[in-house]
């Protein structure tokens, strides 16, 4: 995942290796499995392989719901929202964002909640809903400030001023 964010050329090979290892029947299907499927889906999203990301998010969501892993479910929904935004399916993106935010707020997962508001701000910006975008970015900044995460605040400010 980190390699995909950094744009390193080995990211796809690493992701493919992990994908094939997780496809083996001997792999334990647990909460950790759902978490790694979500991360791998996020990696493929970063690598513009949306079909594989969607498939992995689908698996992560199934396991997260079956095991009642609320945070993994919410992060997966947020991942689906990013894909929806990329495909300009804004109504579905807003549905996924809203559900993710509600779940993360219920469990008090501030970091993931802040990121969900950030992603919602990006979606509203793509929709040209300036005031709603600003509102979402402001909520993300507030949460990141509470967590003392200055680099995340800077990330939001950079996107908010584009």
N, C-alpha and C. Protein backbone atom coordinates (compact mmCIF):
# COMPACT_ATOMS: atom_id res chain seq x y z
N UNK A 1 0.83 -1.19 0.00
CA UNK A 1 0.00 0.00 0.00
C UNK A 1 0.87 1.25 0.00
N UNK A 2 1.87 1.25 0.85
CA UNK A 2 2.76 2.41 0.92
C UNK A 2 3.47 2.62 -0.41
N UNK A 3 3.92 1.55 -1.01
CA UNK A 3 4.60 1.66 -2.30
C UNK A 3 3.67 2.24 -3.37
N UNK A 4 2.37 1.90 -3.30
CA UNK A 4 1.43 2.44 -4.28
C UNK A 4 1.20 3.93 -4.06
N UNK A 5 1.20 4.37 -2.81
CA UNK A 5 1.07 5.81 -2.54
C UNK A 5 2.31 6.58 -2.99
N UNK A 6 3.45 5.95 -2.86
CA UNK A 6 4.71 6.61 -3.23
C UNK A 6 5.00 6.53 -4.72
N UNK A 7 4.19 5.74 -5.46
CA UNK A 7 4.39 5.62 -6.90
C UNK A 7 5.59 4.76 -7.27
N UNK A 8 5.99 3.88 -6.36
CA UNK A 8 7.15 3.03 -6.64
C UNK A 8 6.76 1.95 -7.65
N UNK A 9 7.69 1.64 -8.54
CA UNK A 9 7.40 0.73 -9.65
C UNK A 9 7.15 -0.70 -9.21
N UNK A 10 7.61 -1.08 -8.03
CA UNK A 10 7.41 -2.46 -7.59
C UNK A 10 6.05 -2.68 -6.94
N UNK A 11 5.24 -1.64 -6.80
CA UNK A 11 3.96 -1.75 -6.09
C UNK A 11 3.04 -2.79 -6.73
N UNK A 12 2.95 -2.80 -8.03
CA UNK A 12 2.06 -3.75 -8.70
C UNK A 12 2.53 -5.18 -8.51
N UNK A 13 3.83 -5.43 -8.64
CA UNK A 13 4.35 -6.78 -8.45
C UNK A 13 4.11 -7.26 -7.02
N UNK A 14 4.35 -6.38 -6.05
CA UNK A 14 4.10 -6.75 -4.65
C UNK A 14 2.62 -7.05 -4.42
N UNK A 15 1.76 -6.20 -4.96
CA UNK A 15 0.32 -6.41 -4.80
C UNK A 15 -0.12 -7.72 -5.44
N UNK A 16 0.39 -7.99 -6.64
CA UNK A 16 0.03 -9.24 -7.32
C UNK A 16 0.50 -10.46 -6.53
N UNK A 17 1.71 -10.39 -5.97
CA UNK A 17 2.22 -11.50 -5.16
C UNK A 17 1.32 -11.76 -3.96
N UNK A 18 0.95 -10.70 -3.28
CA UNK A 18 0.09 -10.83 -2.11
C UNK A 18 -1.29 -11.33 -2.52
N UNK A 19 -1.81 -10.81 -3.62
CA UNK A 19 -3.12 -11.23 -4.10
C UNK A 19 -3.14 -12.74 -4.35
N UNK A 20 -2.11 -13.26 -4.99
CA UNK A 20 -2.06 -14.69 -5.29
C UNK A 20 -1.91 -15.52 -4.01
N UNK A 21 -1.16 -15.02 -3.05
CA UNK A 21 -1.03 -15.73 -1.77
C UNK A 21 -2.34 -15.77 -1.02
N UNK A 22 -3.10 -14.68 -1.06
CA UNK A 22 -4.39 -14.64 -0.38
C UNK A 22 -5.44 -15.49 -1.09
N UNK A 23 -5.21 -15.80 -2.34
CA UNK A 23 -6.15 -16.61 -3.11
C UNK A 23 -6.04 -18.10 -2.78
N UNK A 24 -4.98 -18.48 -2.10
CA UNK A 24 -4.79 -19.89 -1.75
C UNK A 24 -5.83 -20.33 -0.72
N UNK A 25 -6.37 -21.55 -0.88
CA UNK A 25 -7.41 -22.03 0.03
C UNK A 25 -6.93 -22.20 1.47
N UNK A 26 -5.64 -22.30 1.69
CA UNK A 26 -5.13 -22.52 3.04
C UNK A 26 -5.11 -21.24 3.89
N UNK A 27 -5.39 -20.08 3.28
CA UNK A 27 -5.36 -18.81 4.00
C UNK A 27 -6.57 -18.72 4.93
N UNK A 28 -6.29 -18.38 6.19
CA UNK A 28 -7.35 -18.24 7.19
C UNK A 28 -8.23 -17.05 6.85
N UNK A 29 -9.53 -17.26 6.86
CA UNK A 29 -10.50 -16.20 6.55
C UNK A 29 -11.05 -15.66 7.87
N UNK A 30 -10.47 -14.55 8.34
CA UNK A 30 -10.85 -13.99 9.64
C UNK A 30 -10.93 -12.47 9.50
N UNK A 31 -10.97 -11.79 10.65
CA UNK A 31 -10.96 -10.33 10.65
C UNK A 31 -9.71 -9.80 9.99
N UNK A 32 -8.59 -10.46 10.23
CA UNK A 32 -7.34 -10.04 9.59
C UNK A 32 -7.46 -10.16 8.07
N UNK A 33 -8.12 -11.21 7.63
CA UNK A 33 -8.31 -11.42 6.19
C UNK A 33 -9.09 -10.24 5.61
N UNK A 34 -10.18 -9.85 6.26
CA UNK A 34 -10.99 -8.73 5.78
C UNK A 34 -10.16 -7.45 5.74
N UNK A 35 -9.36 -7.25 6.77
CA UNK A 35 -8.52 -6.05 6.84
C UNK A 35 -7.51 -6.04 5.69
N UNK A 36 -6.86 -7.16 5.44
CA UNK A 36 -5.88 -7.21 4.36
C UNK A 36 -6.54 -7.11 2.98
N UNK A 37 -7.75 -7.62 2.84
CA UNK A 37 -8.46 -7.47 1.57
C UNK A 37 -8.77 -6.00 1.32
N UNK A 38 -9.15 -5.29 2.38
CA UNK A 38 -9.43 -3.87 2.26
C UNK A 38 -8.17 -3.10 1.86
N UNK A 39 -7.07 -3.40 2.51
CA UNK A 39 -5.80 -2.74 2.19
C UNK A 39 -5.35 -3.07 0.77
N UNK A 40 -5.50 -4.31 0.39
CA UNK A 40 -5.10 -4.71 -0.96
C UNK A 40 -6.01 -4.04 -2.00
N UNK A 41 -7.29 -3.93 -1.69
CA UNK A 41 -8.20 -3.21 -2.58
C UNK A 41 -7.79 -1.76 -2.73
N UNK A 42 -7.41 -1.14 -1.63
CA UNK A 42 -6.93 0.24 -1.66
C UNK A 42 -5.67 0.36 -2.51
N UNK A 43 -4.81 -0.62 -2.40
CA UNK A 43 -3.58 -0.63 -3.19
C UNK A 43 -3.90 -0.68 -4.68
N UNK A 44 -4.79 -1.59 -5.06
CA UNK A 44 -5.16 -1.69 -6.47
C UNK A 44 -5.88 -0.44 -6.96
N UNK A 45 -6.67 0.20 -6.09
CA UNK A 45 -7.28 1.47 -6.46
C UNK A 45 -6.19 2.49 -6.79
N UNK A 46 -5.18 2.59 -5.94
CA UNK A 46 -4.08 3.52 -6.17
C UNK A 46 -3.35 3.22 -7.48
N UNK A 47 -3.37 1.95 -7.87
CA UNK A 47 -2.69 1.52 -9.11
C UNK A 47 -3.62 1.56 -10.32
N UNK A 48 -4.80 2.14 -10.14
CA UNK A 48 -5.81 2.29 -11.20
C UNK A 48 -6.35 0.97 -11.73
N UNK A 49 -6.30 -0.07 -10.91
CA UNK A 49 -6.91 -1.35 -11.28
C UNK A 49 -8.23 -1.45 -10.53
N UNK A 50 -9.25 -0.78 -11.06
CA UNK A 50 -10.52 -0.64 -10.35
C UNK A 50 -11.29 -1.95 -10.29
N UNK A 51 -11.18 -2.77 -11.31
CA UNK A 51 -11.89 -4.05 -11.29
C UNK A 51 -11.41 -4.93 -10.13
N UNK A 52 -10.10 -5.01 -9.98
CA UNK A 52 -9.55 -5.82 -8.89
C UNK A 52 -9.87 -5.17 -7.54
N UNK A 53 -9.80 -3.86 -7.47
CA UNK A 53 -10.13 -3.16 -6.22
C UNK A 53 -11.57 -3.43 -5.82
N UNK A 54 -12.48 -3.37 -6.78
CA UNK A 54 -13.90 -3.63 -6.49
C UNK A 54 -14.09 -5.05 -5.99
N UNK A 55 -13.44 -6.00 -6.64
CA UNK A 55 -13.56 -7.41 -6.22
C UNK A 55 -13.03 -7.60 -4.80
N UNK A 56 -11.89 -7.00 -4.50
CA UNK A 56 -11.31 -7.13 -3.17
C UNK A 56 -12.14 -6.42 -2.12
N UNK A 57 -12.65 -5.25 -2.45
CA UNK A 57 -13.53 -4.55 -1.51
C UNK A 57 -14.80 -5.37 -1.25
N UNK A 58 -15.28 -6.02 -2.29
CA UNK A 58 -16.46 -6.88 -2.11
C UNK A 58 -16.19 -8.01 -1.13
N UNK A 59 -15.02 -8.64 -1.26
CA UNK A 59 -14.65 -9.70 -0.32
C UNK A 59 -14.48 -9.15 1.09
N UNK A 60 -13.82 -8.01 1.19
CA UNK A 60 -13.59 -7.40 2.51
C UNK A 60 -14.93 -7.07 3.17
N UNK A 61 -15.85 -6.53 2.41
CA UNK A 61 -17.15 -6.16 2.95
C UNK A 61 -17.92 -7.39 3.42
N UNK A 62 -17.87 -8.45 2.65
CA UNK A 62 -18.56 -9.69 3.03
C UNK A 62 -18.02 -10.22 4.36
N UNK A 63 -16.70 -10.29 4.48
CA UNK A 63 -16.10 -10.80 5.71
C UNK A 63 -16.29 -9.84 6.88
N UNK A 64 -16.23 -8.54 6.61
CA UNK A 64 -16.41 -7.55 7.67
C UNK A 64 -17.83 -7.61 8.23
N UNK A 65 -18.81 -7.76 7.35
CA UNK A 65 -20.19 -7.84 7.80
C UNK A 65 -20.44 -9.14 8.56
N UNK A 66 -19.90 -10.24 8.06
CA UNK A 66 -20.10 -11.53 8.72
C UNK A 66 -19.46 -11.56 10.10
N UNK A 67 -18.31 -10.90 10.24
CA UNK A 67 -17.60 -10.91 11.51
C UNK A 67 -17.88 -9.70 12.38
N UNK A 68 -18.76 -8.82 11.91
CA UNK A 68 -19.11 -7.60 12.65
C UNK A 68 -17.88 -6.72 12.91
N UNK A 69 -17.05 -6.57 11.88
CA UNK A 69 -15.87 -5.71 11.96
C UNK A 69 -16.26 -4.34 11.38
N UNK A 70 -16.81 -3.51 12.23
CA UNK A 70 -17.40 -2.24 11.80
C UNK A 70 -16.38 -1.33 11.13
N UNK A 71 -15.20 -1.21 11.70
CA UNK A 71 -14.21 -0.30 11.14
C UNK A 71 -13.76 -0.75 9.75
N UNK A 72 -13.57 -2.03 9.58
CA UNK A 72 -13.18 -2.54 8.26
C UNK A 72 -14.30 -2.31 7.25
N UNK A 73 -15.53 -2.53 7.69
CA UNK A 73 -16.68 -2.28 6.82
C UNK A 73 -16.69 -0.81 6.39
N UNK A 74 -16.51 0.09 7.33
CA UNK A 74 -16.55 1.52 7.03
C UNK A 74 -15.42 1.93 6.08
N UNK A 75 -14.21 1.42 6.34
CA UNK A 75 -13.09 1.75 5.47
C UNK A 75 -13.32 1.21 4.05
N UNK A 76 -13.94 0.06 3.97
CA UNK A 76 -14.25 -0.53 2.67
C UNK A 76 -15.29 0.30 1.94
N UNK A 77 -16.31 0.74 2.66
CA UNK A 77 -17.32 1.60 2.05
C UNK A 77 -16.70 2.90 1.55
N UNK A 78 -15.77 3.43 2.32
CA UNK A 78 -15.06 4.63 1.90
C UNK A 78 -14.25 4.36 0.62
N UNK A 79 -13.67 3.17 0.53
CA UNK A 79 -12.96 2.78 -0.69
C UNK A 79 -13.89 2.69 -1.89
N UNK A 80 -15.07 2.10 -1.67
CA UNK A 80 -16.06 2.05 -2.75
C UNK A 80 -16.44 3.47 -3.18
N UNK A 81 -16.57 4.38 -2.21
CA UNK A 81 -16.94 5.77 -2.53
C UNK A 81 -15.88 6.43 -3.40
N UNK A 82 -14.61 6.14 -3.14
CA UNK A 82 -13.54 6.70 -3.97
C UNK A 82 -13.66 6.21 -5.41
N UNK A 83 -13.94 4.93 -5.57
CA UNK A 83 -14.12 4.38 -6.92
C UNK A 83 -15.34 5.02 -7.58
N UNK A 84 -16.43 5.13 -6.81
CA UNK A 84 -17.64 5.77 -7.35
C UNK A 84 -17.34 7.19 -7.84
N UNK A 85 -16.59 7.94 -7.02
CA UNK A 85 -16.24 9.31 -7.40
C UNK A 85 -15.42 9.31 -8.68
N UNK A 86 -14.45 8.41 -8.75
CA UNK A 86 -13.60 8.32 -9.93
C UNK A 86 -14.43 8.02 -11.19
N UNK A 87 -15.46 7.22 -11.01
CA UNK A 87 -16.32 6.85 -12.14
C UNK A 87 -17.49 7.83 -12.32
N UNK A 88 -17.47 8.91 -11.55
CA UNK A 88 -18.49 9.96 -11.58
C UNK A 88 -19.88 9.45 -11.26
N UNK A 89 -19.94 8.43 -10.42
CA UNK A 89 -21.20 7.92 -9.90
C UNK A 89 -21.42 8.57 -8.53
N UNK A 90 -21.75 9.86 -8.58
CA UNK A 90 -21.73 10.67 -7.37
C UNK A 90 -22.82 10.29 -6.36
N UNK A 91 -24.00 9.90 -6.83
CA UNK A 91 -25.07 9.51 -5.90
C UNK A 91 -24.64 8.29 -5.08
N UNK A 92 -24.03 7.33 -5.74
CA UNK A 92 -23.57 6.13 -5.03
C UNK A 92 -22.40 6.49 -4.11
N UNK A 93 -21.52 7.36 -4.56
CA UNK A 93 -20.39 7.79 -3.72
C UNK A 93 -20.92 8.42 -2.44
N UNK A 94 -21.90 9.29 -2.55
CA UNK A 94 -22.46 9.95 -1.35
C UNK A 94 -23.10 8.94 -0.42
N UNK A 95 -23.76 7.94 -0.97
CA UNK A 95 -24.36 6.89 -0.15
C UNK A 95 -23.28 6.14 0.62
N UNK A 96 -22.22 5.76 -0.07
CA UNK A 96 -21.12 5.04 0.58
C UNK A 96 -20.42 5.92 1.62
N UNK A 97 -20.16 7.18 1.28
CA UNK A 97 -19.54 8.10 2.25
C UNK A 97 -20.39 8.23 3.51
N UNK A 98 -21.67 8.44 3.32
CA UNK A 98 -22.58 8.66 4.45
C UNK A 98 -22.58 7.45 5.37
N UNK A 99 -22.70 6.26 4.81
CA UNK A 99 -22.71 5.06 5.64
C UNK A 99 -21.38 4.88 6.36
N UNK A 100 -20.28 5.12 5.67
CA UNK A 100 -18.96 4.98 6.30
C UNK A 100 -18.81 5.97 7.45
N UNK A 101 -19.21 7.21 7.24
CA UNK A 101 -19.09 8.23 8.27
C UNK A 101 -19.95 7.88 9.48
N UNK A 102 -21.15 7.42 9.25
CA UNK A 102 -22.03 7.03 10.37
C UNK A 102 -21.40 5.91 11.19
N UNK A 103 -20.86 4.91 10.53
CA UNK A 103 -20.24 3.79 11.24
C UNK A 103 -19.00 4.23 12.02
N UNK A 104 -18.16 5.01 11.39
CA UNK A 104 -16.93 5.45 12.04
C UNK A 104 -17.23 6.38 13.22
N UNK A 105 -18.24 7.20 13.08
CA UNK A 105 -18.64 8.09 14.17
C UNK A 105 -19.16 7.27 15.35
N UNK A 106 -19.93 6.23 15.07
CA UNK A 106 -20.47 5.37 16.13
C UNK A 106 -19.37 4.72 16.96
N UNK A 107 -18.30 4.31 16.32
CA UNK A 107 -17.24 3.60 17.05
C UNK A 107 -16.11 4.52 17.49
N UNK A 108 -16.18 5.80 17.11
CA UNK A 108 -15.17 6.76 17.55
C UNK A 108 -13.81 6.58 16.90
N UNK A 109 -13.77 6.13 15.67
CA UNK A 109 -12.51 5.92 14.95
C UNK A 109 -12.11 7.24 14.28
N UNK A 110 -11.50 8.13 15.04
CA UNK A 110 -11.23 9.50 14.59
C UNK A 110 -10.40 9.58 13.32
N UNK A 111 -9.33 8.83 13.24
CA UNK A 111 -8.45 8.92 12.08
C UNK A 111 -9.19 8.53 10.80
N UNK A 112 -9.87 7.41 10.85
CA UNK A 112 -10.61 6.96 9.67
C UNK A 112 -11.81 7.87 9.39
N UNK A 113 -12.41 8.41 10.45
CA UNK A 113 -13.51 9.36 10.28
C UNK A 113 -13.01 10.64 9.59
N UNK A 114 -11.87 11.13 10.02
CA UNK A 114 -11.29 12.31 9.39
C UNK A 114 -11.02 12.05 7.92
N UNK A 115 -10.46 10.88 7.61
CA UNK A 115 -10.20 10.54 6.21
C UNK A 115 -11.50 10.43 5.42
N UNK A 116 -12.54 9.88 6.03
CA UNK A 116 -13.83 9.77 5.35
C UNK A 116 -14.40 11.15 5.02
N UNK A 117 -14.27 12.09 5.96
CA UNK A 117 -14.71 13.47 5.67
C UNK A 117 -13.85 14.10 4.57
N UNK A 118 -12.55 13.82 4.59
CA UNK A 118 -11.67 14.30 3.54
C UNK A 118 -12.13 13.78 2.18
N UNK A 119 -12.38 12.47 2.11
CA UNK A 119 -12.84 11.87 0.85
C UNK A 119 -14.19 12.44 0.42
N UNK A 120 -15.08 12.68 1.39
CA UNK A 120 -16.37 13.29 1.07
C UNK A 120 -16.16 14.69 0.50
N UNK A 121 -15.21 15.42 1.06
CA UNK A 121 -14.89 16.75 0.53
C UNK A 121 -14.41 16.67 -0.91
N UNK A 122 -13.60 15.67 -1.22
CA UNK A 122 -13.14 15.49 -2.60
C UNK A 122 -14.30 15.17 -3.53
N UNK A 123 -15.24 14.38 -3.04
CA UNK A 123 -16.41 14.04 -3.86
C UNK A 123 -17.25 15.28 -4.11
N UNK A 124 -17.53 16.05 -3.07
CA UNK A 124 -18.30 17.28 -3.28
C UNK A 124 -17.57 18.25 -4.21
N UNK A 125 -16.24 18.31 -4.09
CA UNK A 125 -15.48 19.17 -4.99
C UNK A 125 -15.65 18.71 -6.44
N UNK A 126 -15.59 17.40 -6.67
CA UNK A 126 -15.78 16.86 -8.01
C UNK A 126 -17.18 17.16 -8.54
N UNK A 127 -18.13 17.27 -7.60
CA UNK A 127 -19.52 17.59 -7.98
C UNK A 127 -19.73 19.11 -8.13
N UNK A 128 -18.69 19.88 -7.83
CA UNK A 128 -18.73 21.34 -7.86
C UNK A 128 -19.67 21.91 -6.80
N UNK A 129 -19.78 21.20 -5.69
CA UNK A 129 -20.56 21.66 -4.52
C UNK A 129 -19.57 22.29 -3.54
N UNK A 130 -19.21 23.53 -3.81
CA UNK A 130 -18.11 24.19 -3.10
C UNK A 130 -18.36 24.29 -1.60
N UNK A 131 -19.54 24.73 -1.19
CA UNK A 131 -19.80 24.91 0.25
C UNK A 131 -19.81 23.58 0.99
N UNK A 132 -20.37 22.55 0.38
CA UNK A 132 -20.38 21.23 1.03
C UNK A 132 -18.97 20.64 1.07
N UNK A 133 -18.20 20.90 0.03
CA UNK A 133 -16.82 20.44 0.01
C UNK A 133 -16.04 21.10 1.15
N UNK A 134 -16.16 22.40 1.27
CA UNK A 134 -15.47 23.15 2.32
C UNK A 134 -15.88 22.64 3.70
N UNK A 135 -17.16 22.40 3.88
CA UNK A 135 -17.68 21.91 5.16
C UNK A 135 -17.05 20.55 5.52
N UNK A 136 -16.96 19.67 4.55
CA UNK A 136 -16.36 18.35 4.77
C UNK A 136 -14.87 18.47 5.06
N UNK A 137 -14.18 19.30 4.30
CA UNK A 137 -12.75 19.52 4.55
C UNK A 137 -12.53 20.10 5.94
N UNK A 138 -13.38 21.05 6.35
CA UNK A 138 -13.25 21.65 7.68
C UNK A 138 -13.43 20.61 8.77
N UNK A 139 -14.38 19.73 8.59
CA UNK A 139 -14.61 18.66 9.58
C UNK A 139 -13.38 17.75 9.65
N UNK A 140 -12.81 17.41 8.50
CA UNK A 140 -11.60 16.58 8.47
C UNK A 140 -10.46 17.27 9.20
N UNK A 141 -10.27 18.57 8.93
CA UNK A 141 -9.19 19.32 9.58
C UNK A 141 -9.38 19.34 11.09
N UNK A 142 -10.61 19.58 11.53
CA UNK A 142 -10.89 19.59 12.98
C UNK A 142 -10.48 18.28 13.63
N UNK A 143 -10.85 17.18 13.02
CA UNK A 143 -10.51 15.87 13.57
C UNK A 143 -9.01 15.63 13.53
N UNK A 144 -8.37 15.97 12.44
CA UNK A 144 -6.92 15.79 12.35
C UNK A 144 -6.18 16.67 13.36
N UNK A 145 -6.69 17.87 13.60
CA UNK A 145 -6.08 18.74 14.61
C UNK A 145 -6.23 18.13 16.01
N UNK A 146 -7.39 17.55 16.29
CA UNK A 146 -7.62 16.90 17.58
C UNK A 146 -6.63 15.76 17.80
N UNK A 147 -6.24 15.12 16.73
CA UNK A 147 -5.31 13.99 16.81
C UNK A 147 -3.85 14.45 16.71
N UNK A 148 -3.65 15.74 16.53
CA UNK A 148 -2.30 16.29 16.35
C UNK A 148 -1.59 15.63 15.17
N UNK A 149 -2.25 15.71 14.02
CA UNK A 149 -1.72 15.12 12.78
C UNK A 149 -1.49 16.23 11.76
N UNK A 150 -0.42 17.02 11.94
CA UNK A 150 -0.20 18.18 11.07
C UNK A 150 0.00 17.84 9.60
N UNK A 151 0.60 16.71 9.29
CA UNK A 151 0.79 16.35 7.89
C UNK A 151 -0.56 16.07 7.21
N UNK A 152 -1.48 15.50 7.96
CA UNK A 152 -2.81 15.24 7.41
C UNK A 152 -3.57 16.55 7.21
N UNK A 153 -3.41 17.48 8.15
CA UNK A 153 -4.04 18.79 8.00
C UNK A 153 -3.52 19.48 6.75
N UNK A 154 -2.21 19.41 6.54
CA UNK A 154 -1.60 20.00 5.35
C UNK A 154 -2.15 19.36 4.08
N UNK A 155 -2.32 18.03 4.10
CA UNK A 155 -2.87 17.32 2.94
C UNK A 155 -4.27 17.85 2.60
N UNK A 156 -5.08 18.05 3.62
CA UNK A 156 -6.44 18.56 3.40
C UNK A 156 -6.38 19.98 2.85
N UNK A 157 -5.56 20.84 3.46
CA UNK A 157 -5.44 22.22 3.00
C UNK A 157 -5.00 22.28 1.54
N UNK A 158 -4.06 21.44 1.16
CA UNK A 158 -3.60 21.43 -0.24
C UNK A 158 -4.75 21.11 -1.19
N UNK A 159 -5.57 20.12 -0.84
CA UNK A 159 -6.68 19.74 -1.70
C UNK A 159 -7.80 20.78 -1.66
N UNK A 160 -7.98 21.39 -0.52
CA UNK A 160 -9.07 22.37 -0.36
C UNK A 160 -8.81 23.64 -1.15
N UNK A 161 -7.55 23.89 -1.47
CA UNK A 161 -7.22 25.13 -2.19
C UNK A 161 -7.05 24.92 -3.70
N UNK A 162 -7.26 23.72 -4.17
CA UNK A 162 -7.14 23.47 -5.62
C UNK A 162 -8.33 24.05 -6.38
